[in-house]
Amino acid sequence: MSDSKEMSKKSRSASKNVDKRHELKEDELNPVWFKPVMFGFMIVGLLWIVLYYVTSSTLALPIPPLGQNNIFVGFGLILVGFLMTTRWK
């Protein structure tokens, strides 16, 4: 008889722990906009660098006065996206 009581106590405490973990996970989830913004930074940074390399011989786009510093802008955007991945849950 005591074994069945101990088993029921263990199962109840286990279910409470699972419920607490489930509640915590819902609170810790990222907002809906987080992933699109994160991937957006990475893609925009990559496009920035590709656009600079493709047009560097003729137009020097995306921002001509920056010249070679356009590479730093592109890598900075990519870095922001990668830093956001550390907060992705």
PDB file of N, CA and C in Angstrom:
ATOM      1  N   MET A   1       0.821  -1.198   0.000  1.00  0.00           N
ATOM      2  CA  MET A   1       0.000   0.000   0.000  1.00  0.00           C
ATOM      3  C   MET A   1       0.864   1.260   0.000  1.00  0.00           C
ATOM      4  N   SER A   2       1.936   1.232   0.749  1.00  0.00           N
ATOM      5  CA  SER A   2       2.796   2.417   0.823  1.00  0.00           C
ATOM      6  C   SER A   2       3.486   2.688  -0.503  1.00  0.00           C
ATOM      7  N   ASP A   3       3.769   1.626  -1.263  1.00  0.00           N
ATOM      8  CA  ASP A   3       4.397   1.807  -2.576  1.00  0.00           C
ATOM      9  C   ASP A   3       3.485   2.572  -3.525  1.00  0.00           C
ATOM     10  N   SER A   4       2.204   2.274  -3.490  1.00  0.00           N
ATOM     11  CA  SER A   4       1.276   2.971  -4.384  1.00  0.00           C
ATOM     12  C   SER A   4       1.132   4.434  -3.987  1.00  0.00           C
ATOM     13  N   LYS A   5       1.171   4.729  -2.697  1.00  0.00           N
ATOM     14  CA  LYS A   5       1.089   6.129  -2.243  1.00  0.00           C
ATOM     15  C   LYS A   5       2.325   6.900  -2.670  1.00  0.00           C
ATOM     16  N   GLU A   6       3.500   6.256  -2.535  1.00  0.00           N
ATOM     17  CA  GLU A   6       4.740   6.914  -2.944  1.00  0.00           C
ATOM     18  C   GLU A   6       4.753   7.159  -4.448  1.00  0.00           C
ATOM     19  N   MET A   7       4.262   6.197  -5.204  1.00  0.00           N
ATOM     20  CA  MET A   7       4.218   6.350  -6.657  1.00  0.00           C
ATOM     21  C   MET A   7       3.296   7.495  -7.064  1.00  0.00           C
ATOM     22  N   SER A   8       2.143   7.601  -6.389  1.00  0.00           N
ATOM     23  CA  SER A   8       1.211   8.671  -6.741  1.00  0.00           C
ATOM     24  C   SER A   8       1.789  10.035  -6.364  1.00  0.00           C
ATOM     25  N   LYS A   9       2.514  10.119  -5.242  1.00  0.00           N
ATOM     26  CA  LYS A   9       3.162  11.379  -4.854  1.00  0.00           C
ATOM     27  C   LYS A   9       4.227  11.765  -5.866  1.00  0.00           C
ATOM     28  N   LYS A  10       5.016  10.785  -6.302  1.00  0.00           N
ATOM     29  CA  LYS A  10       6.066  11.056  -7.281  1.00  0.00           C
ATOM     30  C   LYS A  10       5.479  11.510  -8.605  1.00  0.00           C
ATOM     31  N   SER A  11       4.402  10.855  -9.017  1.00  0.00           N
ATOM     32  CA  SER A  11       3.802  11.229 -10.298  1.00  0.00           C
ATOM     33  C   SER A  11       3.194  12.629 -10.235  1.00  0.00           C
ATOM     34  N   ARG A  12       2.596  12.980  -9.100  1.00  0.00           N
ATOM     35  CA  ARG A  12       2.033  14.319  -8.958  1.00  0.00           C
ATOM     36  C   ARG A  12       3.130  15.380  -8.960  1.00  0.00           C
ATOM     37  N   SER A  13       4.227  15.105  -8.249  1.00  0.00           N
ATOM     38  CA  SER A  13       5.314  16.091  -8.216  1.00  0.00           C
ATOM     39  C   SER A  13       5.981  16.199  -9.584  1.00  0.00           C
ATOM     40  N   ALA A  14       6.078  15.083 -10.302  1.00  0.00           N
ATOM     41  CA  ALA A  14       6.658  15.117 -11.641  1.00  0.00           C
ATOM     42  C   ALA A  14       5.784  15.921 -12.587  1.00  0.00           C
ATOM     43  N   SER A  15       4.470  15.754 -12.488  1.00  0.00           N
ATOM     44  CA  SER A  15       3.583  16.510 -13.369  1.00  0.00           C
ATOM     45  C   SER A  15       3.632  18.001 -13.041  1.00  0.00           C
ATOM     46  N   LYS A  16       3.810  18.355 -11.781  1.00  0.00           N
ATOM     47  CA  LYS A  16       3.937  19.773 -11.413  1.00  0.00           C
ATOM     48  C   LYS A  16       5.209  20.362 -12.000  1.00  0.00           C
ATOM     49  N   ASN A  17       6.314  19.583 -11.952  1.00  0.00           N
ATOM     50  CA  ASN A  17       7.567  20.065 -12.523  1.00  0.00           C
ATOM     51  C   ASN A  17       7.447  20.261 -14.021  1.00  0.00           C
ATOM     52  N   VAL A  18       6.768  19.365 -14.693  1.00  0.00           N
ATOM     53  CA  VAL A  18       6.580  19.492 -16.140  1.00  0.00           C
ATOM     54  C   VAL A  18       5.746  20.726 -16.444  1.00  0.00           C
ATOM     55  N   ASP A  19       4.691  20.960 -15.659  1.00  0.00           N
ATOM     56  CA  ASP A  19       3.863  22.142 -15.866  1.00  0.00           C
ATOM     57  C   ASP A  19       4.676  23.414 -15.668  1.00  0.00           C
ATOM     58  N   LYS A  20       5.526  23.448 -14.647  1.00  0.00           N
ATOM     59  CA  LYS A  20       6.355  24.636 -14.407  1.00  0.00           C
ATOM     60  C   LYS A  20       7.321  24.863 -15.554  1.00  0.00           C
ATOM     61  N   ARG A  21       7.933  23.773 -16.042  1.00  0.00           N
ATOM     62  CA  ARG A  21       8.860  23.918 -17.165  1.00  0.00           C
ATOM     63  C   ARG A  21       8.122  24.412 -18.405  1.00  0.00           C
ATOM     64  N   HIS A  22       6.920  23.909 -18.628  1.00  0.00           N
ATOM     65  CA  HIS A  22       6.131  24.324 -19.796  1.00  0.00           C
ATOM     66  C   HIS A  22       5.777  25.802 -19.692  1.00  0.00           C
ATOM     67  N   GLU A  23       5.405  26.269 -18.507  1.00  0.00           N
ATOM     68  CA  GLU A  23       5.081  27.680 -18.318  1.00  0.00           C
ATOM     69  C   GLU A  23       6.300  28.552 -18.558  1.00  0.00           C
ATOM     70  N   LEU A  24       7.458  28.122 -18.081  1.00  0.00           N
ATOM     71  CA  LEU A  24       8.669  28.899 -18.281  1.00  0.00           C
ATOM     72  C   LEU A  24       9.032  28.975 -19.755  1.00  0.00           C
ATOM     73  N   LYS A  25       8.868  27.888 -20.466  1.00  0.00           N
ATOM     74  CA  LYS A  25       9.211  27.901 -21.883  1.00  0.00           C
ATOM     75  C   LYS A  25       8.336  28.868 -22.660  1.00  0.00           C
ATOM     76  N   GLU A  26       7.051  28.941 -22.332  1.00  0.00           N
ATOM     77  CA  GLU A  26       6.175  29.870 -23.045  1.00  0.00           C
ATOM     78  C   GLU A  26       6.587  31.312 -22.783  1.00  0.00           C
ATOM     79  N   ASP A  27       7.034  31.613 -21.574  1.00  0.00           N
ATOM     80  CA  ASP A  27       7.460  32.973 -21.245  1.00  0.00           C
ATOM     81  C   ASP A  27       8.777  33.332 -21.917  1.00  0.00           C
ATOM     82  N   GLU A  28       9.640  32.334 -22.142  1.00  0.00           N
ATOM     83  CA  GLU A  28      10.962  32.596 -22.687  1.00  0.00           C
ATOM     84  C   GLU A  28      11.000  32.661 -24.207  1.00  0.00           C
ATOM     85  N   LEU A  29       9.927  32.323 -24.878  1.00  0.00           N
ATOM     86  CA  LEU A  29       9.932  32.317 -26.334  1.00  0.00           C
ATOM     87  C   LEU A  29      10.106  33.726 -26.881  1.00  0.00           C
ATOM     88  N   ASN A  30      10.721  33.805 -28.049  1.00  0.00           N
ATOM     89  CA  ASN A  30      10.937  35.095 -28.699  1.00  0.00           C
ATOM     90  C   ASN A  30       9.646  35.578 -29.339  1.00  0.00           C
ATOM     91  N   PRO A  31       9.553  36.896 -29.543  1.00  0.00           N
ATOM     92  CA  PRO A  31       8.394  37.417 -30.267  1.00  0.00           C
ATOM     93  C   PRO A  31       8.413  36.952 -31.730  1.00  0.00           C
ATOM     94  N   VAL A  32       7.297  37.090 -32.380  1.00  0.00           N
ATOM     95  CA  VAL A  32       7.139  36.617 -33.759  1.00  0.00           C
ATOM     96  C   VAL A  32       8.101  37.340 -34.704  1.00  0.00           C
ATOM     97  N   TRP A  33       8.398  38.585 -34.457  1.00  0.00           N
ATOM     98  CA  TRP A  33       9.214  39.386 -35.365  1.00  0.00           C
ATOM     99  C   TRP A  33      10.702  39.081 -35.247  1.00  0.00           C
ATOM    100  N   PHE A  34      11.115  38.322 -34.239  1.00  0.00           N
ATOM    101  CA  PHE A  34      12.542  38.168 -33.960  1.00  0.00           C
ATOM    102  C   PHE A  34      13.292  37.458 -35.085  1.00  0.00           C
ATOM    103  N   LYS A  35      12.788  36.308 -35.527  1.00  0.00           N
ATOM    104  CA  LYS A  35      13.495  35.555 -36.562  1.00  0.00           C
ATOM    105  C   LYS A  35      13.562  36.296 -37.894  1.00  0.00           C
ATOM    106  N   PRO A  36      12.459  36.897 -38.372  1.00  0.00           N
ATOM    107  CA  PRO A  36      12.578  37.638 -39.640  1.00  0.00           C
ATOM    108  C   PRO A  36      13.573  38.797 -39.567  1.00  0.00           C
ATOM    109  N   VAL A  37      13.621  39.492 -38.444  1.00  0.00           N
ATOM    110  CA  VAL A  37      14.578  40.599 -38.301  1.00  0.00           C
ATOM    111  C   VAL A  37      16.000  40.062 -38.272  1.00  0.00           C
ATOM    112  N   MET A  38      16.215  38.970 -37.545  1.00  0.00           N
ATOM    113  CA  MET A  38      17.540  38.369 -37.441  1.00  0.00           C
ATOM    114  C   MET A  38      18.052  37.946 -38.817  1.00  0.00           C
ATOM    115  N   PHE A  39      17.234  37.173 -39.532  1.00  0.00           N
ATOM    116  CA  PHE A  39      17.656  36.741 -40.861  1.00  0.00           C
ATOM    117  C   PHE A  39      17.702  37.913 -41.837  1.00  0.00           C
ATOM    118  N   GLY A  40      16.867  38.911 -41.630  1.00  0.00           N
ATOM    119  CA  GLY A  40      16.885  40.101 -42.477  1.00  0.00           C
ATOM    120  C   GLY A  40      18.209  40.843 -42.384  1.00  0.00           C
ATOM    121  N   PHE A  41      18.721  41.009 -41.166  1.00  0.00           N
ATOM    122  CA  PHE A  41      20.026  41.659 -41.002  1.00  0.00           C
ATOM    123  C   PHE A  41      21.112  40.896 -41.748  1.00  0.00           C
ATOM    124  N   MET A  42      21.105  39.573 -41.619  1.00  0.00           N
ATOM    125  CA  MET A  42      22.144  38.776 -42.282  1.00  0.00           C
ATOM    126  C   MET A  42      22.037  38.865 -43.798  1.00  0.00           C
ATOM    127  N   ILE A  43      20.829  38.818 -44.319  1.00  0.00           N
ATOM    128  CA  ILE A  43      20.640  38.858 -45.774  1.00  0.00           C
ATOM    129  C   ILE A  43      20.966  40.243 -46.324  1.00  0.00           C
ATOM    130  N   VAL A  44      20.523  41.291 -45.635  1.00  0.00           N
ATOM    131  CA  VAL A  44      20.810  42.654 -46.099  1.00  0.00           C
ATOM    132  C   VAL A  44      22.318  42.911 -46.077  1.00  0.00           C
ATOM    133  N   GLY A  45      22.993  42.434 -45.034  1.00  0.00           N
ATOM    134  CA  GLY A  45      24.446  42.584 -44.975  1.00  0.00           C
ATOM    135  C   GLY A  45      25.138  41.875 -46.121  1.00  0.00           C
ATOM    136  N   LEU A  46      24.704  40.661 -46.415  1.00  0.00           N
ATOM    137  CA  LEU A  46      25.290  39.919 -47.529  1.00  0.00           C
ATOM    138  C   LEU A  46      25.020  40.626 -48.851  1.00  0.00           C
ATOM    139  N   LEU A  47      23.781  41.085 -49.059  1.00  0.00           N
ATOM    140  CA  LEU A  47      23.457  41.802 -50.297  1.00  0.00           C
ATOM    141  C   LEU A  47      24.250  43.100 -50.410  1.00  0.00           C
ATOM    142  N   TRP A  48      24.477  43.774 -49.280  1.00  0.00           N
ATOM    143  CA  TRP A  48      25.257  45.012 -49.273  1.00  0.00           C
ATOM    144  C   TRP A  48      26.669  44.741 -49.798  1.00  0.00           C
ATOM    145  N   ILE A  49      27.299  43.682 -49.295  1.00  0.00           N
ATOM    146  CA  ILE A  49      28.671  43.356 -49.713  1.00  0.00           C
ATOM    147  C   ILE A  49      28.700  42.911 -51.175  1.00  0.00           C
ATOM    148  N   VAL A  50      27.749  42.080 -51.580  1.00  0.00           N
ATOM    149  CA  VAL A  50      27.712  41.612 -52.969  1.00  0.00           C
ATOM    150  C   VAL A  50      27.483  42.778 -53.918  1.00  0.00           C
ATOM    151  N   LEU A  51      26.570  43.668 -53.558  1.00  0.00           N
ATOM    152  CA  LEU A  51      26.300  44.837 -54.397  1.00  0.00           C
ATOM    153  C   LEU A  51      27.537  45.714 -54.519  1.00  0.00           C
ATOM    154  N   TYR A  52      28.269  45.864 -53.438  1.00  0.00           N
ATOM    155  CA  TYR A  52      29.492  46.669 -53.493  1.00  0.00           C
ATOM    156  C   TYR A  52      30.502  46.033 -54.428  1.00  0.00           C
ATOM    157  N   TYR A  53      30.712  44.728 -54.309  1.00  0.00           N
ATOM    158  CA  TYR A  53      31.701  44.078 -55.171  1.00  0.00           C
ATOM    159  C   TYR A  53      31.298  44.069 -56.635  1.00  0.00           C
ATOM    160  N   VAL A  54      30.021  43.905 -56.907  1.00  0.00           N
ATOM    161  CA  VAL A  54      29.563  43.851 -58.300  1.00  0.00           C
ATOM    162  C   VAL A  54      29.685  45.220 -58.958  1.00  0.00           C
ATOM    163  N   THR A  55      29.398  46.285 -58.207  1.00  0.00           N
ATOM    164  CA  THR A  55      29.396  47.626 -58.807  1.00  0.00           C
ATOM    165  C   THR A  55      30.649  48.428 -58.483  1.00  0.00           C
ATOM    166  N   SER A  56      31.615  47.853 -57.807  1.00  0.00           N
ATOM    167  CA  SER A  56      32.784  48.636 -57.383  1.00  0.00           C
ATOM    168  C   SER A  56      33.616  49.155 -58.558  1.00  0.00           C
ATOM    169  N   SER A  57      33.609  48.459 -59.675  1.00  0.00           N
ATOM    170  CA  SER A  57      34.411  48.911 -60.811  1.00  0.00           C
ATOM    171  C   SER A  57      33.735  50.032 -61.595  1.00  0.00           C
ATOM    172  N   THR A  58      32.413  50.165 -61.472  1.00  0.00           N
ATOM    173  CA  THR A  58      31.727  51.190 -62.275  1.00  0.00           C
ATOM    174  C   THR A  58      31.082  52.268 -61.419  1.00  0.00           C
ATOM    175  N   LEU A  59      30.178  51.897 -60.513  1.00  0.00           N
ATOM    176  CA  LEU A  59      29.393  52.882 -59.782  1.00  0.00           C
ATOM    177  C   LEU A  59      29.773  53.013 -58.309  1.00  0.00           C
ATOM    178  N   ALA A  60      30.420  52.026 -57.768  1.00  0.00           N
ATOM    179  CA  ALA A  60      30.787  51.990 -56.351  1.00  0.00           C
ATOM    180  C   ALA A  60      29.566  52.146 -55.451  1.00  0.00           C
ATOM    181  N   LEU A  61      28.520  51.404 -55.770  1.00  0.00           N
ATOM    182  CA  LEU A  61      27.338  51.404 -54.915  1.00  0.00           C
ATOM    183  C   LEU A  61      27.600  50.505 -53.719  1.00  0.00           C
ATOM    184  N   PRO A  62      26.865  50.495 -52.688  1.00  0.00           N
ATOM    185  CA  PRO A  62      25.638  51.192 -52.368  1.00  0.00           C
ATOM    186  C   PRO A  62      25.834  52.637 -51.920  1.00  0.00           C
ATOM    187  N   ILE A  63      26.941  52.988 -51.233  1.00  0.00           N
ATOM    188  CA  ILE A  63      27.156  54.381 -50.843  1.00  0.00           C
ATOM    189  C   ILE A  63      28.543  54.787 -51.344  1.00  0.00           C
ATOM    190  N   PRO A  64      28.612  55.518 -52.448  1.00  0.00           N
ATOM    191  CA  PRO A  64      29.910  55.836 -53.058  1.00  0.00           C
ATOM    192  C   PRO A  64      30.914  56.526 -52.126  1.00  0.00           C
ATOM    193  N   PRO A  65      30.526  57.491 -51.283  1.00  0.00           N
ATOM    194  CA  PRO A  65      31.550  58.146 -50.455  1.00  0.00           C
ATOM    195  C   PRO A  65      32.229  57.216 -49.444  1.00  0.00           C
ATOM    196  N   LEU A  66      31.601  56.122 -49.111  1.00  0.00           N
ATOM    197  CA  LEU A  66      32.209  55.208 -48.141  1.00  0.00           C
ATOM    198  C   LEU A  66      33.338  54.380 -48.746  1.00  0.00           C
ATOM    199  N   GLY A  67      33.283  54.147 -50.028  1.00  0.00           N
ATOM    200  CA  GLY A  67      34.331  53.370 -50.690  1.00  0.00           C
ATOM    201  C   GLY A  67      34.469  51.988 -50.094  1.00  0.00           C
ATOM    202  N   GLN A  68      35.705  51.628 -49.678  1.00  0.00           N
ATOM    203  CA  GLN A  68      35.967  50.310 -49.106  1.00  0.00           C
ATOM    204  C   GLN A  68      35.236  50.084 -47.783  1.00  0.00           C
ATOM    205  N   ASN A  69      34.820  51.130 -47.116  1.00  0.00           N
ATOM    206  CA  ASN A  69      34.125  50.981 -45.837  1.00  0.00           C
ATOM    207  C   ASN A  69      32.730  50.364 -46.000  1.00  0.00           C
ATOM    208  N   ASN A  70      32.247  50.272 -47.235  1.00  0.00           N
ATOM    209  CA  ASN A  70      30.985  49.560 -47.469  1.00  0.00           C
ATOM    210  C   ASN A  70      31.084  48.108 -47.012  1.00  0.00           C
ATOM    211  N   ILE A  71      32.278  47.536 -47.079  1.00  0.00           N
ATOM    212  CA  ILE A  71      32.473  46.161 -46.615  1.00  0.00           C
ATOM    213  C   ILE A  71      32.226  46.087 -45.115  1.00  0.00           C
ATOM    214  N   PHE A  72      32.716  47.078 -44.371  1.00  0.00           N
ATOM    215  CA  PHE A  72      32.510  47.087 -42.915  1.00  0.00           C
ATOM    216  C   PHE A  72      31.036  47.241 -42.560  1.00  0.00           C
ATOM    217  N   VAL A  73      30.331  48.043 -43.344  1.00  0.00           N
ATOM    218  CA  VAL A  73      28.888  48.208 -43.102  1.00  0.00           C
ATOM    219  C   VAL A  73      28.185  46.863 -43.310  1.00  0.00           C
ATOM    220  N   GLY A  74      28.516  46.170 -44.391  1.00  0.00           N
ATOM    221  CA  GLY A  74      27.908  44.873 -44.674  1.00  0.00           C
ATOM    222  C   GLY A  74      28.215  43.852 -43.591  1.00  0.00           C
ATOM    223  N   PHE A  75      29.479  43.781 -43.186  1.00  0.00           N
ATOM    224  CA  PHE A  75      29.836  42.838 -42.128  1.00  0.00           C
ATOM    225  C   PHE A  75      29.221  43.234 -40.790  1.00  0.00           C
ATOM    226  N   GLY A  76      29.050  44.516 -40.568  1.00  0.00           N
ATOM    227  CA  GLY A  76      28.386  44.964 -39.342  1.00  0.00           C
ATOM    228  C   GLY A  76      26.938  44.507 -39.289  1.00  0.00           C
ATOM    229  N   LEU A  77      26.244  44.608 -40.417  1.00  0.00           N
ATOM    230  CA  LEU A  77      24.856  44.132 -40.474  1.00  0.00           C
ATOM    231  C   LEU A  77      24.782  42.624 -40.248  1.00  0.00           C
ATOM    232  N   ILE A  78      25.710  41.896 -40.852  1.00  0.00           N
ATOM    233  CA  ILE A  78      25.737  40.447 -40.655  1.00  0.00           C
ATOM    234  C   ILE A  78      26.043  40.121 -39.195  1.00  0.00           C
ATOM    235  N   LEU A  79      26.954  40.870 -38.589  1.00  0.00           N
ATOM    236  CA  LEU A  79      27.315  40.645 -37.194  1.00  0.00           C
ATOM    237  C   LEU A  79      26.126  40.875 -36.265  1.00  0.00           C
ATOM    238  N   VAL A  80      25.335  41.888 -36.546  1.00  0.00           N
ATOM    239  CA  VAL A  80      24.132  42.133 -35.729  1.00  0.00           C
ATOM    240  C   VAL A  80      23.192  40.937 -35.822  1.00  0.00           C
ATOM    241  N   GLY A  81      23.021  40.388 -37.023  1.00  0.00           N
ATOM    242  CA  GLY A  81      22.181  39.205 -37.191  1.00  0.00           C
ATOM    243  C   GLY A  81      22.713  38.012 -36.420  1.00  0.00           C
ATOM    244  N   PHE A  82      24.027  37.802 -36.475  1.00  0.00           N
ATOM    245  CA  PHE A  82      24.605  36.682 -35.744  1.00  0.00           C
ATOM    246  C   PHE A  82      24.530  36.895 -34.229  1.00  0.00           C
ATOM    247  N   LEU A  83      24.679  38.117 -33.776  1.00  0.00           N
ATOM    248  CA  LEU A  83      24.543  38.375 -32.348  1.00  0.00           C
ATOM    249  C   LEU A  83      23.111  38.123 -31.872  1.00  0.00           C
ATOM    250  N   MET A  84      22.152  38.362 -32.751  1.00  0.00           N
ATOM    251  CA  MET A  84      20.760  38.069 -32.396  1.00  0.00           C
ATOM    252  C   MET A  84      20.519  36.570 -32.253  1.00  0.00           C
ATOM    253  N   THR A  85      21.316  35.751 -32.934  1.00  0.00           N
ATOM    254  CA  THR A  85      21.127  34.300 -32.824  1.00  0.00           C
ATOM    255  C   THR A  85      21.434  33.816 -31.404  1.00  0.00           C
ATOM    256  N   THR A  86      22.222  34.551 -30.646  1.00  0.00           N
ATOM    257  CA  THR A  86      22.515  34.131 -29.268  1.00  0.00           C
ATOM    258  C   THR A  86      21.288  34.276 -28.377  1.00  0.00           C
ATOM    259  N   ARG A  87      20.322  35.092 -28.756  1.00  0.00           N
ATOM    260  CA  ARG A  87      19.094  35.284 -27.988  1.00  0.00           C
ATOM    261  C   ARG A  87      17.911  34.483 -28.536  1.00  0.00           C
ATOM    262  N   TRP A  88      18.153  33.727 -29.609  1.00  0.00           N
ATOM    263  CA  TRP A  88      17.081  32.969 -30.262  1.00  0.00           C
ATOM    264  C   TRP A  88      16.745  31.747 -29.429  1.00  0.00           C
ATOM    265  N   LYS A  89      15.466  31.587 -29.125  1.00  0.00           N
ATOM    266  CA  LYS A  89      15.028  30.444 -28.307  1.00  0.00           C
ATOM    267  C   LYS A  89      13.955  29.661 -29.017  1.00  0.00           C
TER     268      LYS A  89
END
